[in-house]
């Protein structure tokens, strides 16, 4: 009886896992279709008007981020101080979501010296999975522009550094890129630039100066526990 039962249970578990995977993939596909409907249509409506309309739909909308050569073309949101990571697992309509949306660190805004944006590294290549392409120097050279579009303006950033890192324990006395957000003083700005240039996988030839605006994009990486892949750009 046991010899029959074990293969049956294994088959049952495999069938259940397959059903869950199909359900997950369907959910992600539906989320992607919904995101496509949020993209501005330059033919029917000017981009700034389309983005202003998104702001009216959801006041948590901050800007749109796009990088040529990747799937990155998404609205960027921002949670509240009480729920800073809300959009990690919620969509534009605030419904539960596997992929969430890119979102701004709650301690900064679009006027800050250093803007930090988080996004999932999805297996289907969506969200910020495309950032990992910048581990390749040639790819970075060919796709160096990152755009942030708001209802008021379009900002273009150039990549300064791309590197692997991780989230550290609180008592570890090391450089933590995610602590350098908001309005940085000159000393903090210089320290940040020095460290990200040293960590970079290659030299981009671009070094920010105090007074420039920094954009930090962060996603999960799996080279170590709690790994991250980070792209830093300057405007």
C-alpha atoms as a PDB file:
ATOM      1  CA  UNK A   1       0.000   0.000   0.000  1.00  0.00           C
ATOM      2  CA  UNK A   2       2.830   2.437   0.906  1.00  0.00           C
ATOM      3  CA  UNK A   3       4.549   1.800  -2.452  1.00  0.00           C
ATOM      4  CA  UNK A   4       1.382   2.935  -4.238  1.00  0.00           C
ATOM      5  CA  UNK A   5       0.634   5.845  -1.910  1.00  0.00           C
ATOM      6  CA  UNK A   6       4.036   7.572  -2.151  1.00  0.00           C
ATOM      7  CA  UNK A   7       4.040   7.965  -5.985  1.00  0.00           C
ATOM      8  CA  UNK A   8       0.405   9.114  -5.823  1.00  0.00           C
ATOM      9  CA  UNK A   9       1.230  11.803  -3.266  1.00  0.00           C
ATOM     10  CA  UNK A  10       4.225  12.930  -5.304  1.00  0.00           C
ATOM     11  CA  UNK A  11       2.004  13.207  -8.380  1.00  0.00           C
ATOM     12  CA  UNK A  12      -0.602  15.142  -6.401  1.00  0.00           C
ATOM     13  CA  UNK A  13       2.024  17.597  -5.103  1.00  0.00           C
ATOM     14  CA  UNK A  14       3.459  18.061  -8.596  1.00  0.00           C
ATOM     15  CA  UNK A  15      -0.011  18.730 -10.017  1.00  0.00           C
ATOM     16  CA  UNK A  16      -0.770  21.257  -7.274  1.00  0.00           C
ATOM     17  CA  UNK A  17       2.574  23.026  -7.824  1.00  0.00           C
ATOM     18  CA  UNK A  18       1.920  23.218 -11.564  1.00  0.00           C
ATOM     19  CA  UNK A  19      -1.519  24.720 -10.937  1.00  0.00           C
ATOM     20  CA  UNK A  20      -0.052  27.330  -8.588  1.00  0.00           C
ATOM     21  CA  UNK A  21       2.634  28.235 -11.150  1.00  0.00           C
ATOM     22  CA  UNK A  22       0.024  28.674 -13.889  1.00  0.00           C
ATOM     23  CA  UNK A  23      -2.030  30.824 -11.520  1.00  0.00           C
ATOM     24  CA  UNK A  24       1.020  32.958 -10.658  1.00  0.00           C
ATOM     25  CA  UNK A  25       2.025  33.414 -14.299  1.00  0.00           C
ATOM     26  CA  UNK A  26      -1.543  34.344 -15.222  1.00  0.00           C
ATOM     27  CA  UNK A  27      -1.652  36.890 -12.413  1.00  0.00           C
ATOM     28  CA  UNK A  28       1.644  38.483 -13.495  1.00  0.00           C
ATOM     29  CA  UNK A  29       0.504  38.590 -17.132  1.00  0.00           C
ATOM     30  CA  UNK A  30      -2.733  40.316 -16.126  1.00  0.00           C
ATOM     31  CA  UNK A  31      -0.750  42.832 -14.079  1.00  0.00           C
ATOM     32  CA  UNK A  32       1.487  43.555 -17.075  1.00  0.00           C
ATOM     33  CA  UNK A  33      -1.532  44.137 -19.318  1.00  0.00           C
ATOM     34  CA  UNK A  34      -2.938  46.561 -16.756  1.00  0.00           C
ATOM     35  CA  UNK A  35       0.409  48.398 -16.652  1.00  0.00           C
ATOM     36  CA  UNK A  36       0.436  48.729 -20.441  1.00  0.00           C
ATOM     37  CA  UNK A  37      -2.829  50.641 -20.187  1.00  0.00           C
ATOM     38  CA  UNK A  38      -1.106  53.180 -17.937  1.00  0.00           C
ATOM     39  CA  UNK A  39       1.547  54.043 -20.528  1.00  0.00           C
ATOM     40  CA  UNK A  40       1.199  57.529 -22.034  1.00  0.00           C
ATOM     41  CA  UNK A  41       0.033  57.657 -25.633  1.00  0.00           C
ATOM     42  CA  UNK A  42       1.915  60.454 -27.378  1.00  0.00           C
ATOM     43  CA  UNK A  43      -0.419  60.138 -30.371  1.00  0.00           C
ATOM     44  CA  UNK A  44      -3.680  60.818 -28.527  1.00  0.00           C
ATOM     45  CA  UNK A  45      -2.493  62.725 -25.435  1.00  0.00           C
ATOM     46  CA  UNK A  46       0.720  64.651 -24.649  1.00  0.00           C
ATOM     47  CA  UNK A  47       2.901  62.788 -22.165  1.00  0.00           C
ATOM     48  CA  UNK A  48       2.677  65.488 -19.481  1.00  0.00           C
ATOM     49  CA  UNK A  49      -1.136  65.406 -19.636  1.00  0.00           C
ATOM     50  CA  UNK A  50      -1.152  61.596 -19.430  1.00  0.00           C
ATOM     51  CA  UNK A  51       1.080  61.709 -16.357  1.00  0.00           C
ATOM     52  CA  UNK A  52      -1.054  64.425 -14.753  1.00  0.00           C
ATOM     53  CA  UNK A  53      -4.063  62.154 -15.281  1.00  0.00           C
ATOM     54  CA  UNK A  54      -2.233  59.318 -13.483  1.00  0.00           C
ATOM     55  CA  UNK A  55      -1.555  61.666 -10.572  1.00  0.00           C
ATOM     56  CA  UNK A  56      -5.282  62.372 -10.346  1.00  0.00           C
ATOM     57  CA  UNK A  57      -6.053  58.633 -10.376  1.00  0.00           C
ATOM     58  CA  UNK A  58      -3.585  57.917  -7.577  1.00  0.00           C
ATOM     59  CA  UNK A  59      -1.864  60.679  -5.645  1.00  0.00           C
ATOM     60  CA  UNK A  60       0.949  58.242  -4.724  1.00  0.00           C
ATOM     61  CA  UNK A  61       2.163  58.439  -8.340  1.00  0.00           C
ATOM     62  CA  UNK A  62       5.503  60.271  -8.510  1.00  0.00           C
ATOM     63  CA  UNK A  63       6.918  59.909 -12.029  1.00  0.00           C
ATOM     64  CA  UNK A  64       7.521  57.460 -14.841  1.00  0.00           C
ATOM     65  CA  UNK A  65      10.886  55.712 -15.269  1.00  0.00           C
ATOM     66  CA  UNK A  66      12.153  54.251 -18.538  1.00  0.00           C
ATOM     67  CA  UNK A  67      15.436  52.825 -19.814  1.00  0.00           C
ATOM     68  CA  UNK A  68      15.935  52.026 -23.501  1.00  0.00           C
ATOM     69  CA  UNK A  69      16.873  48.418 -24.240  1.00  0.00           C
ATOM     70  CA  UNK A  70      15.078  47.083 -21.151  1.00  0.00           C
ATOM     71  CA  UNK A  71      11.481  46.373 -20.139  1.00  0.00           C
ATOM     72  CA  UNK A  72      11.767  49.179 -17.616  1.00  0.00           C
ATOM     73  CA  UNK A  73       8.957  51.609 -18.448  1.00  0.00           C
ATOM     74  CA  UNK A  74       6.808  51.947 -15.351  1.00  0.00           C
ATOM     75  CA  UNK A  75       5.093  54.402 -13.050  1.00  0.00           C
ATOM     76  CA  UNK A  76       7.047  55.088  -9.868  1.00  0.00           C
ATOM     77  CA  UNK A  77       4.988  55.290  -6.682  1.00  0.00           C
ATOM     78  CA  UNK A  78       5.645  56.350  -3.098  1.00  0.00           C
ATOM     79  CA  UNK A  79       4.144  54.875   0.054  1.00  0.00           C
ATOM     80  CA  UNK A  80       3.450  56.689   3.307  1.00  0.00           C
ATOM     81  CA  UNK A  81       5.744  56.927   6.355  1.00  0.00           C
ATOM     82  CA  UNK A  82       3.427  54.391   8.030  1.00  0.00           C
ATOM     83  CA  UNK A  83       3.691  51.994   5.064  1.00  0.00           C
ATOM     84  CA  UNK A  84       6.883  52.873   3.137  1.00  0.00           C
ATOM     85  CA  UNK A  85       7.041  49.538   1.255  1.00  0.00           C
ATOM     86  CA  UNK A  86       3.347  49.474   0.313  1.00  0.00           C
ATOM     87  CA  UNK A  87       4.030  49.224  -3.437  1.00  0.00           C
ATOM     88  CA  UNK A  88       6.348  46.281  -2.986  1.00  0.00           C
ATOM     89  CA  UNK A  89       3.223  44.113  -3.253  1.00  0.00           C
ATOM     90  CA  UNK A  90       0.503  46.444  -4.539  1.00  0.00           C
ATOM     91  CA  UNK A  91      -0.387  47.699  -8.011  1.00  0.00           C
ATOM     92  CA  UNK A  92      -1.401  51.149  -9.239  1.00  0.00           C
ATOM     93  CA  UNK A  93      -4.967  50.619  -8.005  1.00  0.00           C
ATOM     94  CA  UNK A  94      -3.646  49.546  -4.570  1.00  0.00           C
ATOM     95  CA  UNK A  95      -4.721  45.942  -5.130  1.00  0.00           C
ATOM     96  CA  UNK A  96      -2.510  43.013  -4.077  1.00  0.00           C
ATOM     97  CA  UNK A  97       0.187  42.326  -6.653  1.00  0.00           C
ATOM     98  CA  UNK A  98       2.985  39.775  -7.081  1.00  0.00           C
ATOM     99  CA  UNK A  99       5.266  42.203  -8.894  1.00  0.00           C
ATOM    100  CA  UNK A 100       4.263  45.442  -7.216  1.00  0.00           C
ATOM    101  CA  UNK A 101       5.623  48.639  -8.768  1.00  0.00           C
ATOM    102  CA  UNK A 102       8.882  50.587  -8.559  1.00  0.00           C
ATOM    103  CA  UNK A 103       8.630  52.943  -5.612  1.00  0.00           C
ATOM    104  CA  UNK A 104      10.477  55.884  -4.133  1.00  0.00           C
ATOM    105  CA  UNK A 105      12.166  55.659  -0.755  1.00  0.00           C
ATOM    106  CA  UNK A 106       9.939  57.476   1.709  1.00  0.00           C
ATOM    107  CA  UNK A 107      12.809  59.695   2.912  1.00  0.00           C
ATOM    108  CA  UNK A 108      13.264  61.460  -0.425  1.00  0.00           C
ATOM    109  CA  UNK A 109      11.346  63.203  -3.206  1.00  0.00           C
ATOM    110  CA  UNK A 110      12.038  64.386  -6.735  1.00  0.00           C
ATOM    111  CA  UNK A 111      13.739  67.529  -5.403  1.00  0.00           C
ATOM    112  CA  UNK A 112      16.172  65.560  -3.242  1.00  0.00           C
ATOM    113  CA  UNK A 113      19.904  65.374  -3.848  1.00  0.00           C
ATOM    114  CA  UNK A 114      19.723  61.567  -3.860  1.00  0.00           C
ATOM    115  CA  UNK A 115      16.614  59.752  -5.117  1.00  0.00           C
ATOM    116  CA  UNK A 116      16.386  56.044  -4.261  1.00  0.00           C
ATOM    117  CA  UNK A 117      13.945  53.827  -6.195  1.00  0.00           C
ATOM    118  CA  UNK A 118      13.314  50.157  -5.394  1.00  0.00           C
ATOM    119  CA  UNK A 119      11.875  47.542  -7.734  1.00  0.00           C
ATOM    120  CA  UNK A 120      11.408  43.777  -7.877  1.00  0.00           C
ATOM    121  CA  UNK A 121      13.727  41.541  -9.907  1.00  0.00           C
ATOM    122  CA  UNK A 122      11.002  39.407 -11.542  1.00  0.00           C
ATOM    123  CA  UNK A 123      11.811  36.068 -13.181  1.00  0.00           C
ATOM    124  CA  UNK A 124       9.842  37.038 -16.300  1.00  0.00           C
ATOM    125  CA  UNK A 125      12.190  39.995 -16.831  1.00  0.00           C
ATOM    126  CA  UNK A 126       9.721  42.668 -15.728  1.00  0.00           C
ATOM    127  CA  UNK A 127      10.067  45.446 -13.171  1.00  0.00           C
ATOM    128  CA  UNK A 128      13.755  46.067 -12.333  1.00  0.00           C
ATOM    129  CA  UNK A 129      15.087  42.727 -13.625  1.00  0.00           C
ATOM    130  CA  UNK A 130      16.524  44.677 -16.564  1.00  0.00           C
ATOM    131  CA  UNK A 131      18.968  46.463 -14.270  1.00  0.00           C
ATOM    132  CA  UNK A 132      21.102  43.304 -14.184  1.00  0.00           C
ATOM    133  CA  UNK A 133      21.964  43.939 -17.841  1.00  0.00           C
ATOM    134  CA  UNK A 134      24.142  46.805 -16.623  1.00  0.00           C
ATOM    135  CA  UNK A 135      26.576  44.335 -15.123  1.00  0.00           C
ATOM    136  CA  UNK A 136      27.967  44.332 -18.673  1.00  0.00           C
ATOM    137  CA  UNK A 137      30.095  47.387 -19.489  1.00  0.00           C
ATOM    138  CA  UNK A 138      29.341  47.354 -23.219  1.00  0.00           C
ATOM    139  CA  UNK A 139      25.627  47.214 -22.545  1.00  0.00           C
ATOM    140  CA  UNK A 140      25.938  50.225 -20.260  1.00  0.00           C
ATOM    141  CA  UNK A 141      27.806  52.176 -22.913  1.00  0.00           C
ATOM    142  CA  UNK A 142      25.012  51.486 -25.415  1.00  0.00           C
ATOM    143  CA  UNK A 143      22.119  52.200 -23.016  1.00  0.00           C
ATOM    144  CA  UNK A 144      23.405  54.904 -20.731  1.00  0.00           C
ATOM    145  CA  UNK A 145      20.320  57.103 -20.428  1.00  0.00           C
ATOM    146  CA  UNK A 146      17.683  56.741 -17.707  1.00  0.00           C
ATOM    147  CA  UNK A 147      14.602  58.954 -18.014  1.00  0.00           C
ATOM    148  CA  UNK A 148      12.268  60.206 -15.312  1.00  0.00           C
ATOM    149  CA  UNK A 149       9.126  61.882 -16.656  1.00  0.00           C
ATOM    150  CA  UNK A 150       6.809  63.957 -14.501  1.00  0.00           C
ATOM    151  CA  UNK A 151       3.756  66.060 -15.384  1.00  0.00           C
ATOM    152  CA  UNK A 152       6.118  69.065 -15.304  1.00  0.00           C
ATOM    153  CA  UNK A 153       9.374  67.880 -16.905  1.00  0.00           C
ATOM    154  CA  UNK A 154      11.558  65.123 -18.321  1.00  0.00           C
ATOM    155  CA  UNK A 155      14.875  64.387 -16.628  1.00  0.00           C
ATOM    156  CA  UNK A 156      17.718  62.401 -18.127  1.00  0.00           C
ATOM    157  CA  UNK A 157      20.342  60.726 -15.984  1.00  0.00           C
ATOM    158  CA  UNK A 158      23.676  59.156 -17.024  1.00  0.00           C
ATOM    159  CA  UNK A 159      25.017  56.040 -15.345  1.00  0.00           C
ATOM    160  CA  UNK A 160      27.862  56.551 -12.899  1.00  0.00           C
ATOM    161  CA  UNK A 161      28.195  53.091 -11.382  1.00  0.00           C
ATOM    162  CA  UNK A 162      26.729  49.574 -11.418  1.00  0.00           C
ATOM    163  CA  UNK A 163      27.594  47.098  -8.683  1.00  0.00           C
ATOM    164  CA  UNK A 164      26.543  44.100  -6.632  1.00  0.00           C
ATOM    165  CA  UNK A 165      25.963  44.652  -2.938  1.00  0.00           C
ATOM    166  CA  UNK A 166      23.737  43.437  -0.135  1.00  0.00           C
ATOM    167  CA  UNK A 167      21.638  44.632   2.799  1.00  0.00           C
ATOM    168  CA  UNK A 168      23.902  44.699   5.838  1.00  0.00           C
ATOM    169  CA  UNK A 169      23.218  44.086   9.498  1.00  0.00           C
ATOM    170  CA  UNK A 170      22.647  47.274  11.447  1.00  0.00           C
ATOM    171  CA  UNK A 171      25.848  46.925  13.477  1.00  0.00           C
ATOM    172  CA  UNK A 172      28.113  46.324  10.460  1.00  0.00           C
ATOM    173  CA  UNK A 173      30.394  49.323  10.022  1.00  0.00           C
ATOM    174  CA  UNK A 174      30.434  49.446   6.212  1.00  0.00           C
ATOM    175  CA  UNK A 175      29.229  51.699   3.425  1.00  0.00           C
ATOM    176  CA  UNK A 176      25.473  51.249   2.972  1.00  0.00           C
ATOM    177  CA  UNK A 177      24.273  52.877  -0.237  1.00  0.00           C
ATOM    178  CA  UNK A 178      20.623  52.836   0.905  1.00  0.00           C
ATOM    179  CA  UNK A 179      21.376  55.208   3.793  1.00  0.00           C
ATOM    180  CA  UNK A 180      22.400  58.012   1.418  1.00  0.00           C
ATOM    181  CA  UNK A 181      18.993  59.403   0.468  1.00  0.00           C
ATOM    182  CA  UNK A 182      17.294  62.777   0.584  1.00  0.00           C
ATOM    183  CA  UNK A 183      19.295  66.008   0.702  1.00  0.00           C
ATOM    184  CA  UNK A 184      22.955  65.158   1.214  1.00  0.00           C
ATOM    185  CA  UNK A 185      25.531  67.585   2.526  1.00  0.00           C
ATOM    186  CA  UNK A 186      28.771  67.992   0.608  1.00  0.00           C
ATOM    187  CA  UNK A 187      30.704  65.529   2.798  1.00  0.00           C
ATOM    188  CA  UNK A 188      28.019  62.831   2.532  1.00  0.00           C
ATOM    189  CA  UNK A 189      27.695  63.428  -1.219  1.00  0.00           C
ATOM    190  CA  UNK A 190      31.456  63.038  -1.745  1.00  0.00           C
ATOM    191  CA  UNK A 191      31.571  59.928   0.449  1.00  0.00           C
ATOM    192  CA  UNK A 192      28.736  58.352  -1.505  1.00  0.00           C
ATOM    193  CA  UNK A 193      30.312  59.066  -4.892  1.00  0.00           C
ATOM    194  CA  UNK A 194      33.720  57.785  -3.745  1.00  0.00           C
ATOM    195  CA  UNK A 195      32.253  54.509  -2.512  1.00  0.00           C
ATOM    196  CA  UNK A 196      29.986  53.759  -5.456  1.00  0.00           C
ATOM    197  CA  UNK A 197      32.834  54.470  -7.872  1.00  0.00           C
ATOM    198  CA  UNK A 198      35.049  52.044  -5.939  1.00  0.00           C
ATOM    199  CA  UNK A 199      32.328  49.380  -5.913  1.00  0.00           C
ATOM    200  CA  UNK A 200      31.534  49.770  -9.604  1.00  0.00           C
ATOM    201  CA  UNK A 201      32.064  46.779 -11.884  1.00  0.00           C
ATOM    202  CA  UNK A 202      33.701  49.107 -14.416  1.00  0.00           C
ATOM    203  CA  UNK A 203      34.624  52.753 -14.898  1.00  0.00           C
ATOM    204  CA  UNK A 204      31.881  54.679 -16.698  1.00  0.00           C
ATOM    205  CA  UNK A 205      34.048  57.778 -16.956  1.00  0.00           C
ATOM    206  CA  UNK A 206      31.365  59.851 -15.207  1.00  0.00           C
ATOM    207  CA  UNK A 207      31.931  61.406 -11.778  1.00  0.00           C
ATOM    208  CA  UNK A 208      29.173  63.541 -10.184  1.00  0.00           C
ATOM    209  CA  UNK A 209      29.938  66.890  -8.569  1.00  0.00           C
ATOM    210  CA  UNK A 210      28.238  68.322  -5.506  1.00  0.00           C
ATOM    211  CA  UNK A 211      25.115  70.122  -6.704  1.00  0.00           C
ATOM    212  CA  UNK A 212      24.226  67.364  -9.188  1.00  0.00           C
ATOM    213  CA  UNK A 213      21.204  65.157  -8.584  1.00  0.00           C
ATOM    214  CA  UNK A 214      21.738  61.427  -8.016  1.00  0.00           C
ATOM    215  CA  UNK A 215      19.378  58.598  -8.946  1.00  0.00           C
ATOM    216  CA  UNK A 216      19.867  55.243  -7.193  1.00  0.00           C
ATOM    217  CA  UNK A 217      18.044  52.180  -8.552  1.00  0.00           C
ATOM    218  CA  UNK A 218      18.039  49.047  -6.406  1.00  0.00           C
ATOM    219  CA  UNK A 219      16.778  45.506  -7.022  1.00  0.00           C
ATOM    220  CA  UNK A 220      17.335  42.040  -5.584  1.00  0.00           C
ATOM    221  CA  UNK A 221      20.288  39.921  -6.703  1.00  0.00           C
ATOM    222  CA  UNK A 222      21.060  36.357  -5.719  1.00  0.00           C
ATOM    223  CA  UNK A 223      24.856  36.208  -5.524  1.00  0.00           C
ATOM    224  CA  UNK A 224      24.601  36.329  -1.702  1.00  0.00           C
ATOM    225  CA  UNK A 225      21.870  36.288   0.928  1.00  0.00           C
ATOM    226  CA  UNK A 226      19.957  39.595   0.842  1.00  0.00           C
ATOM    227  CA  UNK A 227      21.907  40.521  -2.278  1.00  0.00           C
ATOM    228  CA  UNK A 228      21.200  43.667  -4.280  1.00  0.00           C
ATOM    229  CA  UNK A 229      22.167  45.025  -7.662  1.00  0.00           C
ATOM    230  CA  UNK A 230      22.488  48.785  -7.786  1.00  0.00           C
ATOM    231  CA  UNK A 231      22.693  51.311 -10.601  1.00  0.00           C
ATOM    232  CA  UNK A 232      23.633  54.908  -9.765  1.00  0.00           C
ATOM    233  CA  UNK A 233      23.101  57.717 -12.261  1.00  0.00           C
ATOM    234  CA  UNK A 234      23.534  61.491 -12.280  1.00  0.00           C
ATOM    235  CA  UNK A 235      21.688  64.466 -13.724  1.00  0.00           C
END
